[in-house]
Amino acid sequence: MSAGYHNNCVFGGFITSTNDTICEGDTISLSIASHSGIIQWQRRDGLTWVNETGIGANDSVYTFVPMQTSIYRLIVTIQDAYQFQQST
């Protein structure tokens, strides 16, 4: 019987934007390429990060109209990052 841990890797990918400069009322698309894992776009709200909940907030392309000056980031996670495997 042998046992061990299997580590699944997460690759964050590369984030791009459709706009370098955004004016009031502009639509922006943030996108990520070459990633693996589950996506969650977030927005900075004061001292905390808040999950975006709009359409596309969990997709590789997130298109929205910012309501205020904000910083955005993407969290990429993978389920069962450490799986215990056992064989006999």
PDB file of N, CA and C in Angstrom:
ATOM      1  N   MET A   1       0.838  -1.163   0.000  1.00  0.00           N
ATOM      2  CA  MET A   1       0.000   0.000   0.000  1.00  0.00           C
ATOM      3  C   MET A   1       0.892   1.238   0.000  1.00  0.00           C
ATOM      4  N   SER A   2       0.561   2.197  -0.839  1.00  0.00           N
ATOM      5  CA  SER A   2       1.294   3.451  -0.846  1.00  0.00           C
ATOM      6  C   SER A   2       0.304   4.602  -0.749  1.00  0.00           C
ATOM      7  N   ALA A   3       0.754   5.677  -0.167  1.00  0.00           N
ATOM      8  CA  ALA A   3      -0.102   6.847  -0.015  1.00  0.00           C
ATOM      9  C   ALA A   3       0.719   8.099  -0.279  1.00  0.00           C
ATOM     10  N   GLY A   4       0.064   9.138  -0.739  1.00  0.00           N
ATOM     11  CA  GLY A   4       0.779  10.380  -0.988  1.00  0.00           C
ATOM     12  C   GLY A   4      -0.189  11.505  -1.298  1.00  0.00           C
ATOM     13  N   TYR A   5       0.366  12.682  -1.402  1.00  0.00           N
ATOM     14  CA  TYR A   5      -0.431  13.854  -1.734  1.00  0.00           C
ATOM     15  C   TYR A   5      -0.205  14.223  -3.187  1.00  0.00           C
ATOM     16  N   HIS A   6      -1.280  14.598  -3.835  1.00  0.00           N
ATOM     17  CA  HIS A   6      -1.208  15.054  -5.221  1.00  0.00           C
ATOM     18  C   HIS A   6      -1.532  16.538  -5.213  1.00  0.00           C
ATOM     19  N   ASN A   7      -0.623  17.357  -5.711  1.00  0.00           N
ATOM     20  CA  ASN A   7      -0.807  18.800  -5.700  1.00  0.00           C
ATOM     21  C   ASN A   7      -1.254  19.270  -7.075  1.00  0.00           C
ATOM     22  N   ASN A   8      -2.505  19.736  -7.195  1.00  0.00           N
ATOM     23  CA  ASN A   8      -2.994  20.337  -8.433  1.00  0.00           C
ATOM     24  C   ASN A   8      -2.529  21.783  -8.464  1.00  0.00           C
ATOM     25  N   CYS A   9      -2.017  22.214  -9.582  1.00  0.00           N
ATOM     26  CA  CYS A   9      -1.488  23.573  -9.694  1.00  0.00           C
ATOM     27  C   CYS A   9      -2.527  24.519 -10.274  1.00  0.00           C
ATOM     28  N   VAL A  10      -2.447  25.766  -9.869  1.00  0.00           N
ATOM     29  CA  VAL A  10      -3.281  26.829 -10.411  1.00  0.00           C
ATOM     30  C   VAL A  10      -2.378  27.768 -11.182  1.00  0.00           C
ATOM     31  N   PHE A  11      -2.765  28.093 -12.394  1.00  0.00           N
ATOM     32  CA  PHE A  11      -2.033  29.075 -13.174  1.00  0.00           C
ATOM     33  C   PHE A  11      -2.931  30.277 -13.364  1.00  0.00           C
ATOM     34  N   GLY A  12      -2.482  31.437 -12.903  1.00  0.00           N
ATOM     35  CA  GLY A  12      -3.300  32.638 -12.899  1.00  0.00           C
ATOM     36  C   GLY A  12      -3.574  33.230 -14.264  1.00  0.00           C
ATOM     37  N   GLY A  13      -2.660  33.078 -15.217  1.00  0.00           N
ATOM     38  CA  GLY A  13      -2.885  33.616 -16.548  1.00  0.00           C
ATOM     39  C   GLY A  13      -2.497  35.074 -16.673  1.00  0.00           C
ATOM     40  N   PHE A  14      -3.000  35.729 -17.707  1.00  0.00           N
ATOM     41  CA  PHE A  14      -2.660  37.103 -18.016  1.00  0.00           C
ATOM     42  C   PHE A  14      -3.932  37.920 -18.178  1.00  0.00           C
ATOM     43  N   ILE A  15      -4.039  39.044 -17.448  1.00  0.00           N
ATOM     44  CA  ILE A  15      -5.230  39.892 -17.489  1.00  0.00           C
ATOM     45  C   ILE A  15      -5.001  41.041 -18.466  1.00  0.00           C
ATOM     46  N   THR A  16      -6.009  41.306 -19.296  1.00  0.00           N
ATOM     47  CA  THR A  16      -5.957  42.430 -20.223  1.00  0.00           C
ATOM     48  C   THR A  16      -7.241  43.240 -20.098  1.00  0.00           C
ATOM     49  N   SER A  17      -7.180  44.474 -20.585  1.00  0.00           N
ATOM     50  CA  SER A  17      -8.317  45.381 -20.554  1.00  0.00           C
ATOM     51  C   SER A  17      -8.565  45.928 -21.951  1.00  0.00           C
ATOM     52  N   THR A  18      -9.826  46.234 -22.246  1.00  0.00           N
ATOM     53  CA  THR A  18     -10.156  46.821 -23.543  1.00  0.00           C
ATOM     54  C   THR A  18      -9.832  48.313 -23.575  1.00  0.00           C
ATOM     55  N   ASN A  19      -9.689  48.935 -22.407  1.00  0.00           N
ATOM     56  CA  ASN A  19      -9.463  50.373 -22.333  1.00  0.00           C
ATOM     57  C   ASN A  19      -8.229  50.679 -21.483  1.00  0.00           C
ATOM     58  N   ASP A  20      -7.402  51.613 -21.937  1.00  0.00           N
ATOM     59  CA  ASP A  20      -6.318  52.117 -21.098  1.00  0.00           C
ATOM     60  C   ASP A  20      -6.813  53.275 -20.243  1.00  0.00           C
ATOM     61  N   THR A  21      -7.722  54.061 -20.800  1.00  0.00           N
ATOM     62  CA  THR A  21      -8.334  55.189 -20.101  1.00  0.00           C
ATOM     63  C   THR A  21      -9.837  54.995 -20.111  1.00  0.00           C
ATOM     64  N   ILE A  22     -10.463  55.229 -18.964  1.00  0.00           N
ATOM     65  CA  ILE A  22     -11.902  55.037 -18.843  1.00  0.00           C
ATOM     66  C   ILE A  22     -12.542  56.351 -18.433  1.00  0.00           C
ATOM     67  N   CYS A  23     -13.540  56.761 -19.171  1.00  0.00           N
ATOM     68  CA  CYS A  23     -14.301  57.977 -18.842  1.00  0.00           C
ATOM     69  C   CYS A  23     -15.660  57.561 -18.272  1.00  0.00           C
ATOM     70  N   GLU A  24     -16.301  58.486 -17.580  1.00  0.00           N
ATOM     71  CA  GLU A  24     -17.602  58.198 -16.977  1.00  0.00           C
ATOM     72  C   GLU A  24     -18.566  57.648 -18.016  1.00  0.00           C
ATOM     73  N   GLY A  25     -19.197  56.530 -17.682  1.00  0.00           N
ATOM     74  CA  GLY A  25     -20.171  55.911 -18.575  1.00  0.00           C
ATOM     75  C   GLY A  25     -19.591  54.909 -19.558  1.00  0.00           C
ATOM     76  N   ASP A  26     -18.254  54.807 -19.618  1.00  0.00           N
ATOM     77  CA  ASP A  26     -17.625  53.851 -20.535  1.00  0.00           C
ATOM     78  C   ASP A  26     -17.833  52.413 -20.062  1.00  0.00           C
ATOM     79  N   THR A  27     -17.937  51.521 -21.017  1.00  0.00           N
ATOM     80  CA  THR A  27     -17.971  50.097 -20.731  1.00  0.00           C
ATOM     81  C   THR A  27     -16.547  49.566 -20.850  1.00  0.00           C
ATOM     82  N   ILE A  28     -16.171  48.699 -19.930  1.00  0.00           N
ATOM     83  CA  ILE A  28     -14.840  48.105 -19.940  1.00  0.00           C
ATOM     84  C   ILE A  28     -14.977  46.585 -19.886  1.00  0.00           C
ATOM     85  N   SER A  29     -14.057  45.909 -20.536  1.00  0.00           N
ATOM     86  CA  SER A  29     -13.984  44.451 -20.444  1.00  0.00           C
ATOM     87  C   SER A  29     -12.611  44.076 -19.910  1.00  0.00           C
ATOM     88  N   LEU A  30     -12.606  43.317 -18.832  1.00  0.00           N
ATOM     89  CA  LEU A  30     -11.385  42.730 -18.306  1.00  0.00           C
ATOM     90  C   LEU A  30     -11.409  41.266 -18.693  1.00  0.00           C
ATOM     91  N   SER A  31     -10.290  40.748 -19.152  1.00  0.00           N
ATOM     92  CA  SER A  31     -10.282  39.341 -19.549  1.00  0.00           C
ATOM     93  C   SER A  31      -8.986  38.683 -19.113  1.00  0.00           C
ATOM     94  N   ILE A  32      -9.066  37.376 -18.952  1.00  0.00           N
ATOM     95  CA  ILE A  32      -7.903  36.577 -18.584  1.00  0.00           C
ATOM     96  C   ILE A  32      -7.754  35.456 -19.603  1.00  0.00           C
ATOM     97  N   ALA A  33      -6.518  35.194 -19.975  1.00  0.00           N
ATOM     98  CA  ALA A  33      -6.219  34.115 -20.918  1.00  0.00           C
ATOM     99  C   ALA A  33      -5.234  33.154 -20.266  1.00  0.00           C
ATOM    100  N   SER A  34      -5.242  31.941 -20.735  1.00  0.00           N
ATOM    101  CA  SER A  34      -4.288  30.917 -20.285  1.00  0.00           C
ATOM    102  C   SER A  34      -4.333  30.686 -18.780  1.00  0.00           C
ATOM    103  N   HIS A  35      -5.512  30.449 -18.256  1.00  0.00           N
ATOM    104  CA  HIS A  35      -5.649  30.184 -16.832  1.00  0.00           C
ATOM    105  C   HIS A  35      -6.247  28.806 -16.610  1.00  0.00           C
ATOM    106  N   SER A  36      -6.152  28.338 -15.388  1.00  0.00           N
ATOM    107  CA  SER A  36      -6.873  27.134 -14.977  1.00  0.00           C
ATOM    108  C   SER A  36      -7.444  27.408 -13.596  1.00  0.00           C
ATOM    109  N   GLY A  37      -8.628  26.944 -13.348  1.00  0.00           N
ATOM    110  CA  GLY A  37      -9.234  27.154 -12.043  1.00  0.00           C
ATOM    111  C   GLY A  37     -10.557  27.892 -12.127  1.00  0.00           C
ATOM    112  N   ILE A  38     -11.108  28.213 -10.968  1.00  0.00           N
ATOM    113  CA  ILE A  38     -12.390  28.889 -10.829  1.00  0.00           C
ATOM    114  C   ILE A  38     -12.128  30.382 -10.682  1.00  0.00           C
ATOM    115  N   ILE A  39     -12.867  31.193 -11.421  1.00  0.00           N
ATOM    116  CA  ILE A  39     -12.635  32.635 -11.503  1.00  0.00           C
ATOM    117  C   ILE A  39     -13.607  33.413 -10.621  1.00  0.00           C
ATOM    118  N   GLN A  40     -13.077  34.463  -9.950  1.00  0.00           N
ATOM    119  CA  GLN A  40     -13.914  35.425  -9.227  1.00  0.00           C
ATOM    120  C   GLN A  40     -13.277  36.804  -9.365  1.00  0.00           C
ATOM    121  N   TRP A  41     -13.963  37.720 -10.071  1.00  0.00           N
ATOM    122  CA  TRP A  41     -13.502  39.102 -10.173  1.00  0.00           C
ATOM    123  C   TRP A  41     -13.872  39.822  -8.894  1.00  0.00           C
ATOM    124  N   GLN A  42     -12.960  40.691  -8.414  1.00  0.00           N
ATOM    125  CA  GLN A  42     -13.193  41.450  -7.191  1.00  0.00           C
ATOM    126  C   GLN A  42     -12.889  42.931  -7.410  1.00  0.00           C
ATOM    127  N   ARG A  43     -13.520  43.764  -6.580  1.00  0.00           N
ATOM    128  CA  ARG A  43     -13.331  45.217  -6.604  1.00  0.00           C
ATOM    129  C   ARG A  43     -12.913  45.662  -5.207  1.00  0.00           C
ATOM    130  N   ARG A  44     -11.978  46.602  -5.160  1.00  0.00           N
ATOM    131  CA  ARG A  44     -11.527  47.158  -3.886  1.00  0.00           C
ATOM    132  C   ARG A  44     -12.579  48.137  -3.378  1.00  0.00           C
ATOM    133  N   ASP A  45     -13.011  47.964  -2.125  1.00  0.00           N
ATOM    134  CA  ASP A  45     -13.989  48.843  -1.499  1.00  0.00           C
ATOM    135  C   ASP A  45     -13.406  49.273  -0.153  1.00  0.00           C
ATOM    136  N   GLY A  46     -12.737  50.401  -0.149  1.00  0.00           N
ATOM    137  CA  GLY A  46     -12.076  50.850   1.084  1.00  0.00           C
ATOM    138  C   GLY A  46     -10.896  49.960   1.395  1.00  0.00           C
ATOM    139  N   LEU A  47     -10.953  49.279   2.526  1.00  0.00           N
ATOM    140  CA  LEU A  47      -9.857  48.406   2.948  1.00  0.00           C
ATOM    141  C   LEU A  47     -10.086  46.941   2.606  1.00  0.00           C
ATOM    142  N   THR A  48     -11.235  46.618   1.999  1.00  0.00           N
ATOM    143  CA  THR A  48     -11.556  45.216   1.729  1.00  0.00           C
ATOM    144  C   THR A  48     -11.775  44.971   0.242  1.00  0.00           C
ATOM    145  N   TRP A  49     -11.693  43.711  -0.141  1.00  0.00           N
ATOM    146  CA  TRP A  49     -12.012  43.272  -1.499  1.00  0.00           C
ATOM    147  C   TRP A  49     -13.406  42.689  -1.487  1.00  0.00           C
ATOM    148  N   VAL A  50     -14.215  43.086  -2.464  1.00  0.00           N
ATOM    149  CA  VAL A  50     -15.612  42.649  -2.565  1.00  0.00           C
ATOM    150  C   VAL A  50     -15.784  41.852  -3.847  1.00  0.00           C
ATOM    151  N   ASN A  51     -16.432  40.693  -3.743  1.00  0.00           N
ATOM    152  CA  ASN A  51     -16.725  39.898  -4.934  1.00  0.00           C
ATOM    153  C   ASN A  51     -17.694  40.641  -5.836  1.00  0.00           C
ATOM    154  N   GLU A  52     -17.383  40.716  -7.117  1.00  0.00           N
ATOM    155  CA  GLU A  52     -18.319  41.250  -8.090  1.00  0.00           C
ATOM    156  C   GLU A  52     -19.416  40.208  -8.298  1.00  0.00           C
ATOM    157  N   THR A  53     -20.636  40.657  -8.523  1.00  0.00           N
ATOM    158  CA  THR A  53     -21.762  39.729  -8.630  1.00  0.00           C
ATOM    159  C   THR A  53     -22.518  39.863  -9.947  1.00  0.00           C
ATOM    160  N   GLY A  54     -22.101  40.771 -10.810  1.00  0.00           N
ATOM    161  CA  GLY A  54     -22.797  40.982 -12.072  1.00  0.00           C
ATOM    162  C   GLY A  54     -22.572  39.836 -13.050  1.00  0.00           C
ATOM    163  N   ILE A  55     -23.259  39.935 -14.175  1.00  0.00           N
ATOM    164  CA  ILE A  55     -23.095  38.932 -15.238  1.00  0.00           C
ATOM    165  C   ILE A  55     -21.635  38.908 -15.665  1.00  0.00           C
ATOM    166  N   GLY A  56     -21.044  37.737 -15.669  1.00  0.00           N
ATOM    167  CA  GLY A  56     -19.655  37.580 -16.074  1.00  0.00           C
ATOM    168  C   GLY A  56     -18.655  37.658 -14.939  1.00  0.00           C
ATOM    169  N   ALA A  57     -19.113  37.870 -13.713  1.00  0.00           N
ATOM    170  CA  ALA A  57     -18.197  38.010 -12.576  1.00  0.00           C
ATOM    171  C   ALA A  57     -17.419  36.733 -12.285  1.00  0.00           C
ATOM    172  N   ASN A  58     -17.843  35.621 -12.863  1.00  0.00           N
ATOM    173  CA  ASN A  58     -17.140  34.346 -12.701  1.00  0.00           C
ATOM    174  C   ASN A  58     -16.681  33.787 -14.039  1.00  0.00           C
ATOM    175  N   ASP A  59     -16.574  34.656 -15.033  1.00  0.00           N
ATOM    176  CA  ASP A  59     -16.180  34.241 -16.378  1.00  0.00           C
ATOM    177  C   ASP A  59     -14.813  34.814 -16.735  1.00  0.00           C
ATOM    178  N   SER A  60     -14.217  34.283 -17.777  1.00  0.00           N
ATOM    179  CA  SER A  60     -12.896  34.753 -18.207  1.00  0.00           C
ATOM    180  C   SER A  60     -12.945  36.151 -18.804  1.00  0.00           C
ATOM    181  N   VAL A  61     -14.141  36.619 -19.231  1.00  0.00           N
ATOM    182  CA  VAL A  61     -14.313  37.996 -19.693  1.00  0.00           C
ATOM    183  C   VAL A  61     -15.400  38.632 -18.843  1.00  0.00           C
ATOM    184  N   TYR A  62     -15.054  39.748 -18.195  1.00  0.00           N
ATOM    185  CA  TYR A  62     -15.996  40.462 -17.335  1.00  0.00           C
ATOM    186  C   TYR A  62     -16.198  41.858 -17.916  1.00  0.00           C
ATOM    187  N   THR A  63     -17.406  42.127 -18.426  1.00  0.00           N
ATOM    188  CA  THR A  63     -17.734  43.402 -19.051  1.00  0.00           C
ATOM    189  C   THR A  63     -18.711  44.155 -18.155  1.00  0.00           C
ATOM    190  N   PHE A  64     -18.393  45.424 -17.861  1.00  0.00           N
ATOM    191  CA  PHE A  64     -19.212  46.200 -16.939  1.00  0.00           C
ATOM    192  C   PHE A  64     -18.952  47.690 -17.137  1.00  0.00           C
ATOM    193  N   VAL A  65     -19.788  48.516 -16.506  1.00  0.00           N
ATOM    194  CA  VAL A  65     -19.609  49.967 -16.469  1.00  0.00           C
ATOM    195  C   VAL A  65     -19.239  50.324 -15.033  1.00  0.00           C
ATOM    196  N   PRO A  66     -18.009  50.739 -14.787  1.00  0.00           N
ATOM    197  CA  PRO A  66     -17.613  51.093 -13.409  1.00  0.00           C
ATOM    198  C   PRO A  66     -18.440  52.261 -12.889  1.00  0.00           C
ATOM    199  N   MET A  67     -18.877  52.177 -11.654  1.00  0.00           N
ATOM    200  CA  MET A  67     -19.685  53.237 -11.050  1.00  0.00           C
ATOM    201  C   MET A  67     -18.830  54.271 -10.327  1.00  0.00           C
ATOM    202  N   GLN A  68     -17.566  53.954 -10.095  1.00  0.00           N
ATOM    203  CA  GLN A  68     -16.652  54.848  -9.392  1.00  0.00           C
ATOM    204  C   GLN A  68     -15.231  54.430  -9.704  1.00  0.00           C
ATOM    205  N   THR A  69     -14.275  55.246  -9.303  1.00  0.00           N
ATOM    206  CA  THR A  69     -12.877  54.864  -9.467  1.00  0.00           C
ATOM    207  C   THR A  69     -12.594  53.689  -8.548  1.00  0.00           C
ATOM    208  N   SER A  70     -12.125  52.586  -9.103  1.00  0.00           N
ATOM    209  CA  SER A  70     -11.890  51.373  -8.331  1.00  0.00           C
ATOM    210  C   SER A  70     -10.682  50.624  -8.853  1.00  0.00           C
ATOM    211  N   ILE A  71     -10.196  49.741  -8.028  1.00  0.00           N
ATOM    212  CA  ILE A  71      -9.145  48.807  -8.412  1.00  0.00           C
ATOM    213  C   ILE A  71      -9.795  47.436  -8.489  1.00  0.00           C
ATOM    214  N   TYR A  72      -9.482  46.702  -9.539  1.00  0.00           N
ATOM    215  CA  TYR A  72     -10.060  45.370  -9.729  1.00  0.00           C
ATOM    216  C   TYR A  72      -8.963  44.326  -9.726  1.00  0.00           C
ATOM    217  N   ARG A  73      -9.316  43.126  -9.302  1.00  0.00           N
ATOM    218  CA  ARG A  73      -8.390  42.005  -9.357  1.00  0.00           C
ATOM    219  C   ARG A  73      -9.175  40.742  -9.650  1.00  0.00           C
ATOM    220  N   LEU A  74      -8.447  39.697  -9.912  1.00  0.00           N
ATOM    221  CA  LEU A  74      -9.048  38.406 -10.225  1.00  0.00           C
ATOM    222  C   LEU A  74      -8.469  37.362  -9.284  1.00  0.00           C
ATOM    223  N   ILE A  75      -9.356  36.578  -8.697  1.00  0.00           N
ATOM    224  CA  ILE A  75      -8.939  35.456  -7.865  1.00  0.00           C
ATOM    225  C   ILE A  75      -9.195  34.180  -8.668  1.00  0.00           C
ATOM    226  N   VAL A  76      -8.170  33.352  -8.810  1.00  0.00           N
ATOM    227  CA  VAL A  76      -8.307  32.064  -9.487  1.00  0.00           C
ATOM    228  C   VAL A  76      -7.986  30.981  -8.468  1.00  0.00           C
ATOM    229  N   THR A  77      -8.936  30.091  -8.230  1.00  0.00           N
ATOM    230  CA  THR A  77      -8.729  29.003  -7.274  1.00  0.00           C
ATOM    231  C   THR A  77      -9.026  27.673  -7.953  1.00  0.00           C
ATOM    232  N   ILE A  78      -8.577  26.635  -7.325  1.00  0.00           N
ATOM    233  CA  ILE A  78      -8.865  25.295  -7.829  1.00  0.00           C
ATOM    234  C   ILE A  78      -9.423  24.468  -6.679  1.00  0.00           C
ATOM    235  N   GLN A  79     -10.469  23.730  -6.954  1.00  0.00           N
ATOM    236  CA  GLN A  79     -11.061  22.879  -5.925  1.00  0.00           C
ATOM    237  C   GLN A  79     -10.124  21.717  -5.645  1.00  0.00           C
ATOM    238  N   ASP A  80     -10.147  21.250  -4.400  1.00  0.00           N
ATOM    239  CA  ASP A  80      -9.366  20.088  -4.006  1.00  0.00           C
ATOM    240  C   ASP A  80      -7.895  20.269  -4.389  1.00  0.00           C
ATOM    241  N   ALA A  81      -7.308  21.388  -3.987  1.00  0.00           N
ATOM    242  CA  ALA A  81      -5.914  21.674  -4.332  1.00  0.00           C
ATOM    243  C   ALA A  81      -4.996  20.572  -3.820  1.00  0.00           C
ATOM    244  N   TYR A  82      -5.339  19.978  -2.696  1.00  0.00           N
ATOM    245  CA  TYR A  82      -4.566  18.851  -2.193  1.00  0.00           C
ATOM    246  C   TYR A  82      -5.506  17.667  -2.044  1.00  0.00           C
ATOM    247  N   GLN A  83      -5.261  16.653  -2.811  1.00  0.00           N
ATOM    248  CA  GLN A  83      -6.085  15.459  -2.756  1.00  0.00           C
ATOM    249  C   GLN A  83      -5.235  14.334  -2.193  1.00  0.00           C
ATOM    250  N   PHE A  84      -5.794  13.616  -1.264  1.00  0.00           N
ATOM    251  CA  PHE A  84      -5.084  12.469  -0.712  1.00  0.00           C
ATOM    252  C   PHE A  84      -5.372  11.271  -1.596  1.00  0.00           C
ATOM    253  N   GLN A  85      -4.306  10.674  -2.113  1.00  0.00           N
ATOM    254  CA  GLN A  85      -4.466   9.510  -2.986  1.00  0.00           C
ATOM    255  C   GLN A  85      -3.851   8.291  -2.300  1.00  0.00           C
ATOM    256  N   GLN A  86      -4.533   7.189  -2.437  1.00  0.00           N
ATOM    257  CA  GLN A  86      -4.065   5.961  -1.815  1.00  0.00           C
ATOM    258  C   GLN A  86      -4.243   4.817  -2.797  1.00  0.00           C
ATOM    259  N   SER A  87      -3.249   3.973  -2.884  1.00  0.00           N
ATOM    260  CA  SER A  87      -3.369   2.796  -3.751  1.00  0.00           C
ATOM    261  C   SER A  87      -2.797   1.591  -3.031  1.00  0.00           C
ATOM    262  N   THR A  88      -3.292   0.420  -3.403  1.00  0.00           N
ATOM    263  CA  THR A  88      -2.796  -0.810  -2.777  1.00  0.00           C
ATOM    264  C   THR A  88      -2.106  -1.680  -3.797  1.00  0.00           C
TER     265      THR A  88
END
